[in-house]
Amino acid sequence: MDSVAAVGVVLAGGAGSRFGMPKSLARDDDGVPWVQLACRALLDGGCRDVVVVLGARAGEAEELVPADATSVIAADWASGIAASLRTGLTAVAETAADAAVVSLADLPGLRADAVRRVLGTAPDRDAARRALARATYGGKPGHPVLVGRTHWDALAAAVHGDTGAGPYLRAHAAAAVDCTDLGGGNDVDHRD
């Protein structure tokens, strides 16, 4: 049986108005860029490759993207998260991946174990191509989100403005994968 080919997508295009700067430029207390933490969680969790979607201050943020990831720029990033998601899905459509594992740059606590758990809902390539699953934390939807290849076009068409994949995932009964015990599901909207 062939192993699942999954590509990670880090959405990091926004201006971070509540945060005070683009989160693609944020760093943890040790100075490690959040973008690098997101890429490492996806790669260590089972993704073969990672695409980082940039937007606001992309030139500065691009310097923080690790060498083992690819950056793309959402030209219309200011129109909302949907632009970043569409850009990411367009980029992964050029690969042979069976599924995309979508996460956000502002989840510095995301663990590779959560990525592995969500990916584990698709045990083979056929299941991965049809998969829709998302991590939940304390019963609340979160990231990462597993989106099989057969959903990429429809999802890209369904999102708009600041409305992300949530409505599509609910309408298509995405599997909820409890990751509460792993922590790391809280996005950071404000600097301390």
N, C-alpha and C. Protein backbone atom coordinates (compact mmCIF):
# COMPACT_ATOMS: atom_id res chain seq x y z
N MET A 1 0.85 -1.18 0.00
CA MET A 1 0.00 0.00 0.00
C MET A 1 0.90 1.24 0.00
N ASP A 2 0.58 2.17 -0.91
CA ASP A 2 1.33 3.42 -0.98
C ASP A 2 1.01 4.30 0.22
N SER A 3 2.02 5.01 0.69
CA SER A 3 1.78 5.91 1.81
C SER A 3 1.12 7.19 1.32
N VAL A 4 0.41 7.82 2.21
CA VAL A 4 -0.31 9.05 1.91
C VAL A 4 0.69 10.17 1.65
N ALA A 5 0.49 10.88 0.55
CA ALA A 5 1.32 12.04 0.24
C ALA A 5 0.56 13.28 0.67
N ALA A 6 0.99 13.88 1.76
CA ALA A 6 0.33 15.08 2.29
C ALA A 6 1.29 16.25 2.23
N VAL A 7 0.75 17.41 1.87
CA VAL A 7 1.54 18.63 1.87
C VAL A 7 0.92 19.59 2.89
N GLY A 8 1.76 20.20 3.69
CA GLY A 8 1.28 21.16 4.67
C GLY A 8 1.10 22.54 4.05
N VAL A 9 0.12 23.28 4.56
CA VAL A 9 -0.13 24.65 4.12
C VAL A 9 -0.21 25.52 5.37
N VAL A 10 0.68 26.49 5.46
CA VAL A 10 0.66 27.44 6.58
C VAL A 10 0.10 28.76 6.06
N LEU A 11 -1.03 29.17 6.61
CA LEU A 11 -1.63 30.44 6.23
C LEU A 11 -1.02 31.53 7.10
N ALA A 12 -0.29 32.44 6.45
CA ALA A 12 0.46 33.48 7.17
C ALA A 12 0.41 34.80 6.41
N GLY A 13 -0.72 35.08 5.78
CA GLY A 13 -0.79 36.24 4.91
C GLY A 13 -1.30 37.52 5.52
N GLY A 14 -1.99 37.43 6.65
CA GLY A 14 -2.67 38.61 7.20
C GLY A 14 -1.76 39.66 7.78
N ALA A 15 -2.34 40.84 7.98
CA ALA A 15 -1.60 41.98 8.53
C ALA A 15 -1.48 41.91 10.05
N GLY A 16 -2.30 41.06 10.70
CA GLY A 16 -2.22 40.94 12.16
C GLY A 16 -2.60 42.22 12.87
N SER A 17 -3.70 42.85 12.47
CA SER A 17 -4.07 44.16 13.04
C SER A 17 -4.27 44.10 14.55
N ARG A 18 -4.91 43.06 15.07
CA ARG A 18 -5.08 42.94 16.52
C ARG A 18 -3.76 42.64 17.22
N PHE A 19 -2.87 41.97 16.48
CA PHE A 19 -1.59 41.57 17.04
C PHE A 19 -0.57 42.71 17.00
N GLY A 20 -0.78 43.65 16.09
CA GLY A 20 0.13 44.79 15.98
C GLY A 20 1.18 44.66 14.90
N MET A 21 1.19 43.52 14.21
CA MET A 21 2.12 43.28 13.10
C MET A 21 1.73 41.95 12.47
N PRO A 22 2.19 41.68 11.26
CA PRO A 22 1.90 40.37 10.66
C PRO A 22 2.45 39.25 11.53
N LYS A 23 1.63 38.23 11.74
CA LYS A 23 2.07 37.11 12.57
C LYS A 23 3.15 36.29 11.88
N SER A 24 3.28 36.49 10.58
CA SER A 24 4.36 35.83 9.84
C SER A 24 5.73 36.33 10.29
N LEU A 25 5.75 37.45 11.00
CA LEU A 25 7.01 38.02 11.51
C LEU A 25 7.22 37.74 13.00
N ALA A 26 6.23 37.14 13.64
CA ALA A 26 6.30 36.91 15.09
C ALA A 26 7.32 35.82 15.42
N ARG A 27 7.84 35.92 16.64
CA ARG A 27 8.82 34.94 17.14
C ARG A 27 8.43 34.51 18.54
N ASP A 28 8.87 33.32 18.91
CA ASP A 28 8.62 32.86 20.28
C ASP A 28 9.63 33.51 21.23
N ASP A 29 9.55 33.16 22.50
CA ASP A 29 10.43 33.77 23.51
C ASP A 29 11.91 33.50 23.26
N ASP A 30 12.20 32.44 22.51
CA ASP A 30 13.59 32.11 22.19
C ASP A 30 14.04 32.71 20.86
N GLY A 31 13.16 33.48 20.22
CA GLY A 31 13.51 34.12 18.96
C GLY A 31 13.23 33.29 17.72
N VAL A 32 12.60 32.12 17.90
CA VAL A 32 12.30 31.27 16.75
C VAL A 32 11.03 31.79 16.07
N PRO A 33 11.08 32.05 14.77
CA PRO A 33 9.90 32.54 14.07
C PRO A 33 8.75 31.53 14.13
N TRP A 34 7.54 32.05 14.35
CA TRP A 34 6.36 31.19 14.39
C TRP A 34 6.19 30.42 13.08
N VAL A 35 6.56 31.04 11.98
CA VAL A 35 6.44 30.37 10.68
C VAL A 35 7.29 29.11 10.67
N GLN A 36 8.48 29.18 11.27
CA GLN A 36 9.33 28.00 11.33
C GLN A 36 8.74 26.92 12.24
N LEU A 37 8.13 27.35 13.35
CA LEU A 37 7.48 26.39 14.25
C LEU A 37 6.34 25.67 13.54
N ALA A 38 5.56 26.42 12.77
CA ALA A 38 4.43 25.83 12.03
C ALA A 38 4.94 24.82 11.00
N CYS A 39 5.97 25.19 10.27
CA CYS A 39 6.53 24.28 9.27
C CYS A 39 7.07 23.01 9.91
N ARG A 40 7.78 23.17 11.04
CA ARG A 40 8.36 22.01 11.72
C ARG A 40 7.27 21.07 12.22
N ALA A 41 6.18 21.60 12.78
CA ALA A 41 5.08 20.75 13.25
C ALA A 41 4.47 19.95 12.10
N LEU A 42 4.28 20.59 10.95
CA LEU A 42 3.70 19.90 9.80
C LEU A 42 4.65 18.84 9.24
N LEU A 43 5.91 19.18 9.09
CA LEU A 43 6.89 18.21 8.56
C LEU A 43 7.09 17.05 9.53
N ASP A 44 7.26 17.36 10.81
CA ASP A 44 7.45 16.29 11.80
C ASP A 44 6.19 15.46 11.98
N GLY A 45 5.04 16.04 11.65
CA GLY A 45 3.77 15.34 11.78
C GLY A 45 3.41 14.45 10.60
N GLY A 46 4.23 14.48 9.55
CA GLY A 46 3.99 13.56 8.44
C GLY A 46 3.80 14.19 7.07
N CYS A 47 3.85 15.50 6.97
CA CYS A 47 3.74 16.14 5.66
C CYS A 47 5.07 16.02 4.93
N ARG A 48 5.01 15.75 3.64
CA ARG A 48 6.23 15.62 2.85
C ARG A 48 6.84 16.96 2.51
N ASP A 49 5.99 17.95 2.31
CA ASP A 49 6.42 19.29 1.95
C ASP A 49 5.51 20.28 2.66
N VAL A 50 5.94 21.55 2.68
CA VAL A 50 5.12 22.60 3.27
C VAL A 50 5.16 23.83 2.37
N VAL A 51 3.98 24.42 2.19
CA VAL A 51 3.83 25.68 1.47
C VAL A 51 3.40 26.72 2.49
N VAL A 52 4.10 27.86 2.53
CA VAL A 52 3.75 28.96 3.42
C VAL A 52 3.17 30.09 2.58
N VAL A 53 1.95 30.47 2.90
CA VAL A 53 1.28 31.54 2.15
C VAL A 53 1.51 32.86 2.88
N LEU A 54 2.17 33.79 2.19
CA LEU A 54 2.49 35.09 2.76
C LEU A 54 1.65 36.17 2.09
N GLY A 55 1.64 37.35 2.70
CA GLY A 55 0.90 38.48 2.16
C GLY A 55 1.49 39.78 2.66
N ALA A 56 0.98 40.24 3.80
CA ALA A 56 1.47 41.50 4.39
C ALA A 56 2.97 41.39 4.69
N ARG A 57 3.70 42.41 4.25
CA ARG A 57 5.15 42.47 4.49
C ARG A 57 5.84 41.17 4.07
N ALA A 58 5.41 40.65 2.92
CA ALA A 58 5.91 39.36 2.44
C ALA A 58 7.42 39.33 2.28
N GLY A 59 8.02 40.43 1.85
CA GLY A 59 9.47 40.45 1.66
C GLY A 59 10.22 40.14 2.94
N GLU A 60 9.76 40.72 4.04
CA GLU A 60 10.39 40.46 5.35
C GLU A 60 10.10 39.04 5.82
N ALA A 61 8.84 38.62 5.65
CA ALA A 61 8.42 37.30 6.13
C ALA A 61 9.10 36.18 5.36
N GLU A 62 9.34 36.39 4.08
CA GLU A 62 9.95 35.36 3.25
C GLU A 62 11.31 34.94 3.79
N GLU A 63 12.01 35.88 4.40
CA GLU A 63 13.32 35.57 4.97
C GLU A 63 13.24 34.62 6.16
N LEU A 64 12.05 34.49 6.76
CA LEU A 64 11.87 33.64 7.93
C LEU A 64 11.38 32.24 7.57
N VAL A 65 10.97 32.03 6.33
CA VAL A 65 10.48 30.73 5.90
C VAL A 65 11.68 29.78 5.80
N PRO A 66 11.60 28.61 6.44
CA PRO A 66 12.74 27.70 6.41
C PRO A 66 13.04 27.20 5.00
N ALA A 67 14.28 26.80 4.78
CA ALA A 67 14.73 26.37 3.46
C ALA A 67 14.00 25.14 2.96
N ASP A 68 13.46 24.31 3.87
CA ASP A 68 12.77 23.10 3.43
C ASP A 68 11.28 23.32 3.21
N ALA A 69 10.87 24.59 3.09
CA ALA A 69 9.48 24.94 2.78
C ALA A 69 9.49 25.88 1.58
N THR A 70 8.35 25.99 0.95
CA THR A 70 8.18 26.87 -0.21
C THR A 70 7.24 28.00 0.17
N SER A 71 7.58 29.22 -0.20
CA SER A 71 6.68 30.33 0.07
C SER A 71 5.99 30.77 -1.21
N VAL A 72 4.72 31.16 -1.07
CA VAL A 72 3.94 31.74 -2.15
C VAL A 72 3.27 32.99 -1.58
N ILE A 73 2.95 33.92 -2.45
CA ILE A 73 2.35 35.17 -1.99
C ILE A 73 0.93 35.29 -2.49
N ALA A 74 0.02 35.55 -1.56
CA ALA A 74 -1.38 35.81 -1.90
C ALA A 74 -1.47 37.28 -2.29
N ALA A 75 -1.57 37.56 -3.57
CA ALA A 75 -1.59 38.94 -4.05
C ALA A 75 -2.74 39.73 -3.44
N ASP A 76 -3.87 39.07 -3.21
CA ASP A 76 -5.06 39.73 -2.67
C ASP A 76 -5.25 39.44 -1.18
N TRP A 77 -4.15 39.29 -0.46
CA TRP A 77 -4.19 38.90 0.95
C TRP A 77 -5.05 39.84 1.79
N ALA A 78 -5.12 41.11 1.44
CA ALA A 78 -5.86 42.09 2.25
C ALA A 78 -7.36 41.84 2.21
N SER A 79 -7.84 41.03 1.28
CA SER A 79 -9.28 40.76 1.19
C SER A 79 -9.75 39.74 2.22
N GLY A 80 -8.83 39.09 2.92
CA GLY A 80 -9.22 38.17 3.99
C GLY A 80 -8.56 36.82 3.88
N ILE A 81 -8.84 35.97 4.87
CA ILE A 81 -8.21 34.65 4.97
C ILE A 81 -8.51 33.77 3.76
N ALA A 82 -9.67 33.98 3.14
CA ALA A 82 -10.03 33.17 1.98
C ALA A 82 -8.99 33.30 0.87
N ALA A 83 -8.43 34.49 0.69
CA ALA A 83 -7.42 34.70 -0.35
C ALA A 83 -6.19 33.85 -0.08
N SER A 84 -5.78 33.78 1.18
CA SER A 84 -4.61 32.96 1.53
C SER A 84 -4.91 31.49 1.32
N LEU A 85 -6.09 31.04 1.72
CA LEU A 85 -6.45 29.63 1.56
C LEU A 85 -6.51 29.26 0.07
N ARG A 86 -7.14 30.11 -0.74
CA ARG A 86 -7.20 29.84 -2.19
C ARG A 86 -5.79 29.77 -2.78
N THR A 87 -4.90 30.68 -2.37
CA THR A 87 -3.53 30.68 -2.89
C THR A 87 -2.81 29.40 -2.49
N GLY A 88 -3.00 28.98 -1.25
CA GLY A 88 -2.37 27.74 -0.80
C GLY A 88 -2.88 26.53 -1.55
N LEU A 89 -4.19 26.45 -1.75
CA LEU A 89 -4.77 25.31 -2.48
C LEU A 89 -4.31 25.30 -3.93
N THR A 90 -4.18 26.48 -4.54
CA THR A 90 -3.68 26.56 -5.91
C THR A 90 -2.25 26.04 -5.98
N ALA A 91 -1.44 26.40 -5.00
CA ALA A 91 -0.04 25.95 -4.97
C ALA A 91 0.06 24.44 -4.80
N VAL A 92 -0.74 23.87 -3.91
CA VAL A 92 -0.62 22.41 -3.69
C VAL A 92 -1.23 21.62 -4.84
N ALA A 93 -2.13 22.24 -5.60
CA ALA A 93 -2.72 21.55 -6.76
C ALA A 93 -1.67 21.25 -7.82
N GLU A 94 -0.56 21.96 -7.77
CA GLU A 94 0.53 21.72 -8.71
C GLU A 94 1.44 20.57 -8.28
N THR A 95 1.14 19.98 -7.13
CA THR A 95 1.90 18.84 -6.64
C THR A 95 1.11 17.56 -6.90
N ALA A 96 1.70 16.44 -6.55
CA ALA A 96 1.01 15.15 -6.67
C ALA A 96 0.39 14.73 -5.34
N ALA A 97 0.27 15.65 -4.40
CA ALA A 97 -0.22 15.32 -3.06
C ALA A 97 -1.65 14.78 -3.09
N ASP A 98 -1.93 13.89 -2.16
CA ASP A 98 -3.27 13.34 -1.99
C ASP A 98 -4.13 14.26 -1.14
N ALA A 99 -3.50 14.98 -0.22
CA ALA A 99 -4.24 15.81 0.72
C ALA A 99 -3.37 16.97 1.18
N ALA A 100 -4.05 18.01 1.66
CA ALA A 100 -3.37 19.16 2.25
C ALA A 100 -3.70 19.19 3.74
N VAL A 101 -2.72 19.53 4.54
CA VAL A 101 -2.91 19.72 5.97
C VAL A 101 -2.72 21.20 6.24
N VAL A 102 -3.83 21.89 6.52
CA VAL A 102 -3.83 23.34 6.64
C VAL A 102 -3.70 23.76 8.10
N SER A 103 -2.82 24.72 8.34
CA SER A 103 -2.66 25.28 9.67
C SER A 103 -2.42 26.77 9.55
N LEU A 104 -2.23 27.41 10.69
CA LEU A 104 -2.06 28.86 10.75
C LEU A 104 -0.70 29.21 11.35
N ALA A 105 -0.19 30.37 10.98
CA ALA A 105 1.09 30.82 11.54
C ALA A 105 0.98 31.17 13.01
N ASP A 106 -0.24 31.52 13.46
CA ASP A 106 -0.38 32.00 14.85
C ASP A 106 -0.75 30.90 15.83
N LEU A 107 -0.24 29.70 15.58
CA LEU A 107 -0.41 28.57 16.50
C LEU A 107 0.97 28.07 16.93
N PRO A 108 1.71 28.88 17.67
CA PRO A 108 3.08 28.48 18.00
C PRO A 108 3.16 27.23 18.87
N GLY A 109 2.05 26.85 19.50
CA GLY A 109 2.06 25.66 20.33
C GLY A 109 1.59 24.40 19.63
N LEU A 110 1.26 24.49 18.34
CA LEU A 110 0.80 23.31 17.60
C LEU A 110 1.87 22.23 17.63
N ARG A 111 1.42 21.01 17.94
CA ARG A 111 2.36 19.90 18.05
C ARG A 111 2.26 18.96 16.86
N ALA A 112 3.38 18.36 16.52
CA ALA A 112 3.41 17.38 15.43
C ALA A 112 2.46 16.22 15.72
N ASP A 113 2.26 15.90 17.01
CA ASP A 113 1.34 14.82 17.37
C ASP A 113 -0.08 15.10 16.88
N ALA A 114 -0.50 16.37 16.91
CA ALA A 114 -1.84 16.72 16.42
C ALA A 114 -1.92 16.53 14.91
N VAL A 115 -0.86 16.89 14.21
CA VAL A 115 -0.82 16.69 12.76
C VAL A 115 -0.90 15.20 12.45
N ARG A 116 -0.11 14.39 13.16
CA ARG A 116 -0.13 12.94 12.96
C ARG A 116 -1.52 12.36 13.23
N ARG A 117 -2.16 12.83 14.28
CA ARG A 117 -3.47 12.31 14.65
C ARG A 117 -4.51 12.63 13.57
N VAL A 118 -4.49 13.85 13.09
CA VAL A 118 -5.45 14.23 12.04
C VAL A 118 -5.15 13.47 10.75
N LEU A 119 -3.87 13.39 10.38
CA LEU A 119 -3.49 12.62 9.19
C LEU A 119 -3.87 11.15 9.32
N GLY A 120 -3.85 10.64 10.53
CA GLY A 120 -4.17 9.23 10.79
C GLY A 120 -5.61 8.86 10.46
N THR A 121 -6.46 9.84 10.25
CA THR A 121 -7.84 9.54 9.87
C THR A 121 -7.94 9.08 8.42
N ALA A 122 -6.87 9.24 7.67
CA ALA A 122 -6.83 8.82 6.26
C ALA A 122 -5.73 7.77 6.12
N PRO A 123 -6.07 6.49 6.29
CA PRO A 123 -5.05 5.44 6.35
C PRO A 123 -4.41 5.08 5.01
N ASP A 124 -5.02 5.49 3.89
CA ASP A 124 -4.43 5.18 2.60
C ASP A 124 -4.67 6.34 1.63
N ARG A 125 -4.08 6.23 0.46
CA ARG A 125 -4.15 7.34 -0.51
C ARG A 125 -5.57 7.63 -0.95
N ASP A 126 -6.37 6.60 -1.16
CA ASP A 126 -7.74 6.82 -1.59
C ASP A 126 -8.54 7.56 -0.53
N ALA A 127 -8.40 7.14 0.71
CA ALA A 127 -9.10 7.81 1.82
C ALA A 127 -8.59 9.25 1.97
N ALA A 128 -7.29 9.45 1.79
CA ALA A 128 -6.72 10.79 1.93
C ALA A 128 -7.27 11.74 0.87
N ARG A 129 -7.45 11.25 -0.33
CA ARG A 129 -7.97 12.10 -1.41
C ARG A 129 -9.41 12.55 -1.14
N ARG A 130 -10.16 11.79 -0.39
CA ARG A 130 -11.55 12.14 -0.06
C ARG A 130 -11.70 12.77 1.32
N ALA A 131 -10.64 12.83 2.08
CA ALA A 131 -10.71 13.19 3.50
C ALA A 131 -11.12 14.64 3.76
N LEU A 132 -11.85 14.79 4.86
CA LEU A 132 -12.13 16.09 5.47
C LEU A 132 -12.13 15.85 6.96
N ALA A 133 -11.17 16.41 7.65
CA ALA A 133 -11.07 16.23 9.09
C ALA A 133 -10.42 17.46 9.70
N ARG A 134 -10.79 17.72 10.96
CA ARG A 134 -10.16 18.86 11.63
C ARG A 134 -9.96 18.54 13.09
N ALA A 135 -8.87 19.07 13.62
CA ALA A 135 -8.60 18.92 15.05
C ALA A 135 -9.62 19.73 15.84
N THR A 136 -9.98 19.20 16.99
CA THR A 136 -10.81 19.95 17.93
C THR A 136 -10.09 19.97 19.27
N TYR A 137 -10.35 21.04 20.02
CA TYR A 137 -9.74 21.22 21.33
C TYR A 137 -10.85 21.61 22.29
N GLY A 138 -11.14 20.75 23.25
CA GLY A 138 -12.22 21.02 24.18
C GLY A 138 -13.56 21.17 23.47
N GLY A 139 -13.73 20.43 22.39
CA GLY A 139 -14.97 20.47 21.62
C GLY A 139 -15.07 21.61 20.62
N LYS A 140 -14.06 22.46 20.58
CA LYS A 140 -14.07 23.60 19.65
C LYS A 140 -13.20 23.28 18.43
N PRO A 141 -13.67 23.66 17.24
CA PRO A 141 -12.88 23.38 16.04
C PRO A 141 -11.58 24.16 16.02
N GLY A 142 -10.56 23.53 15.49
CA GLY A 142 -9.25 24.17 15.43
C GLY A 142 -8.44 23.67 14.25
N HIS A 143 -7.14 23.65 14.42
CA HIS A 143 -6.21 23.23 13.37
C HIS A 143 -5.25 22.19 13.93
N PRO A 144 -4.72 21.36 13.09
CA PRO A 144 -4.75 21.38 11.64
C PRO A 144 -6.05 20.83 11.05
N VAL A 145 -6.24 21.14 9.77
CA VAL A 145 -7.39 20.67 9.01
C VAL A 145 -6.88 19.85 7.84
N LEU A 146 -7.42 18.67 7.67
CA LEU A 146 -7.05 17.78 6.58
C LEU A 146 -8.08 17.92 5.47
N VAL A 147 -7.60 18.28 4.28
CA VAL A 147 -8.48 18.47 3.13
C VAL A 147 -7.98 17.61 1.98
N GLY A 148 -8.76 16.60 1.63
CA GLY A 148 -8.40 15.72 0.53
C GLY A 148 -8.47 16.43 -0.81
N ARG A 149 -7.70 15.95 -1.73
CA ARG A 149 -7.57 16.56 -3.06
C ARG A 149 -8.92 16.75 -3.76
N THR A 150 -9.85 15.83 -3.58
CA THR A 150 -11.14 15.95 -4.27
C THR A 150 -11.94 17.16 -3.80
N HIS A 151 -11.56 17.75 -2.69
CA HIS A 151 -12.27 18.92 -2.14
C HIS A 151 -11.61 20.26 -2.48
N TRP A 152 -10.40 20.25 -3.01
CA TRP A 152 -9.65 21.50 -3.16
C TRP A 152 -10.38 22.53 -4.01
N ASP A 153 -10.85 22.16 -5.17
CA ASP A 153 -11.51 23.13 -6.05
C ASP A 153 -12.79 23.67 -5.43
N ALA A 154 -13.61 22.78 -4.88
CA ALA A 154 -14.87 23.21 -4.29
C ALA A 154 -14.64 24.09 -3.07
N LEU A 155 -13.65 23.76 -2.25
CA LEU A 155 -13.36 24.57 -1.08
C LEU A 155 -12.86 25.95 -1.50
N ALA A 156 -11.96 26.00 -2.48
CA ALA A 156 -11.45 27.28 -2.96
C ALA A 156 -12.58 28.17 -3.48
N ALA A 157 -13.57 27.56 -4.12
CA ALA A 157 -14.70 28.32 -4.66
C ALA A 157 -15.66 28.76 -3.55
N ALA A 158 -15.68 28.04 -2.45
CA ALA A 158 -16.66 28.30 -1.38
C ALA A 158 -16.23 29.39 -0.40
N VAL A 159 -14.94 29.62 -0.27
CA VAL A 159 -14.47 30.60 0.72
C VAL A 159 -14.46 32.00 0.14
N HIS A 160 -14.69 32.98 1.02
CA HIS A 160 -14.66 34.37 0.59
C HIS A 160 -14.41 35.28 1.78
N GLY A 161 -13.74 36.40 1.51
CA GLY A 161 -13.47 37.40 2.56
C GLY A 161 -12.75 36.79 3.74
N ASP A 162 -13.26 37.09 4.93
CA ASP A 162 -12.68 36.55 6.15
C ASP A 162 -13.36 35.28 6.61
N THR A 163 -14.11 34.66 5.72
CA THR A 163 -14.73 33.37 6.04
C THR A 163 -13.82 32.28 5.49
N GLY A 164 -13.31 31.47 6.39
CA GLY A 164 -12.42 30.39 5.98
C GLY A 164 -13.17 29.12 5.64
N ALA A 165 -12.57 28.00 5.93
CA ALA A 165 -13.10 26.70 5.54
C ALA A 165 -14.22 26.20 6.45
N GLY A 166 -14.44 26.83 7.59
CA GLY A 166 -15.42 26.32 8.56
C GLY A 166 -16.78 25.94 7.99
N PRO A 167 -17.46 26.83 7.26
CA PRO A 167 -18.77 26.47 6.73
C PRO A 167 -18.72 25.26 5.78
N TYR A 168 -17.69 25.19 4.96
CA TYR A 168 -17.54 24.05 4.05
C TYR A 168 -17.34 22.76 4.84
N LEU A 169 -16.50 22.82 5.86
CA LEU A 169 -16.23 21.63 6.66
C LEU A 169 -17.49 21.15 7.37
N ARG A 170 -18.28 22.10 7.90
CA ARG A 170 -19.54 21.71 8.55
C ARG A 170 -20.53 21.13 7.55
N ALA A 171 -20.66 21.76 6.39
CA ALA A 171 -21.62 21.31 5.38
C ALA A 171 -21.28 19.92 4.84
N HIS A 172 -20.00 19.57 4.88
CA HIS A 172 -19.57 18.28 4.35
C HIS A 172 -19.18 17.29 5.46
N ALA A 173 -19.65 17.58 6.66
CA ALA A 173 -19.49 16.65 7.80
C ALA A 173 -18.05 16.21 8.00
N ALA A 174 -17.15 17.16 8.08
CA ALA A 174 -15.75 16.85 8.35
C ALA A 174 -15.63 16.12 9.68
N ALA A 175 -14.79 15.13 9.72
CA ALA A 175 -14.57 14.38 10.95
C ALA A 175 -13.90 15.27 11.98
N ALA A 176 -14.37 15.19 13.22
CA ALA A 176 -13.75 15.92 14.34
C ALA A 176 -12.73 15.00 14.98
N VAL A 177 -11.52 15.47 15.12
CA VAL A 177 -10.43 14.67 15.69
C VAL A 177 -10.01 15.34 16.99
N ASP A 178 -10.36 14.73 18.11
CA ASP A 178 -10.08 15.33 19.41
C ASP A 178 -8.58 15.36 19.70
N CYS A 179 -8.06 16.57 19.83
CA CYS A 179 -6.64 16.76 20.14
C CYS A 179 -6.46 17.52 21.45
N THR A 180 -7.51 17.56 22.26
CA THR A 180 -7.48 18.31 23.50
C THR A 180 -6.28 17.94 24.37
N ASP A 181 -6.00 16.64 24.44
CA ASP A 181 -4.91 16.17 25.30
C ASP A 181 -3.53 16.61 24.80
N LEU A 182 -3.45 17.09 23.56
CA LEU A 182 -2.17 17.50 23.00
C LEU A 182 -1.89 18.98 23.19
N GLY A 183 -2.92 19.76 23.50
CA GLY A 183 -2.74 21.20 23.66
C GLY A 183 -2.29 21.84 22.38
N GLY A 184 -1.95 23.11 22.45
CA GLY A 184 -1.41 23.82 21.29
C GLY A 184 -2.42 24.29 20.28
N GLY A 185 -3.69 24.23 20.62
CA GLY A 185 -4.72 24.61 19.65
C GLY A 185 -5.16 26.06 19.72
N ASN A 186 -4.59 26.83 20.62
CA ASN A 186 -5.01 28.22 20.77
C ASN A 186 -4.21 29.14 19.87
N ASP A 187 -4.94 29.90 19.03
CA ASP A 187 -4.23 30.89 18.22
C ASP A 187 -3.95 32.12 19.07
N VAL A 188 -2.92 32.84 18.71
CA VAL A 188 -2.49 34.00 19.48
C VAL A 188 -2.87 35.24 18.69
N ASP A 189 -3.81 36.02 19.24
CA ASP A 189 -4.28 37.22 18.55
C ASP A 189 -3.70 38.51 19.11
N HIS A 190 -3.12 38.46 20.30
CA HIS A 190 -2.59 39.67 20.93
C HIS A 190 -1.21 39.39 21.50
N ARG A 191 -0.32 40.36 21.36
CA ARG A 191 1.00 40.22 21.97
C ARG A 191 0.87 40.53 23.46
N ASP A 192 1.69 39.87 24.27
CA ASP A 192 1.69 40.11 25.73
C ASP A 192 2.18 41.51 26.02
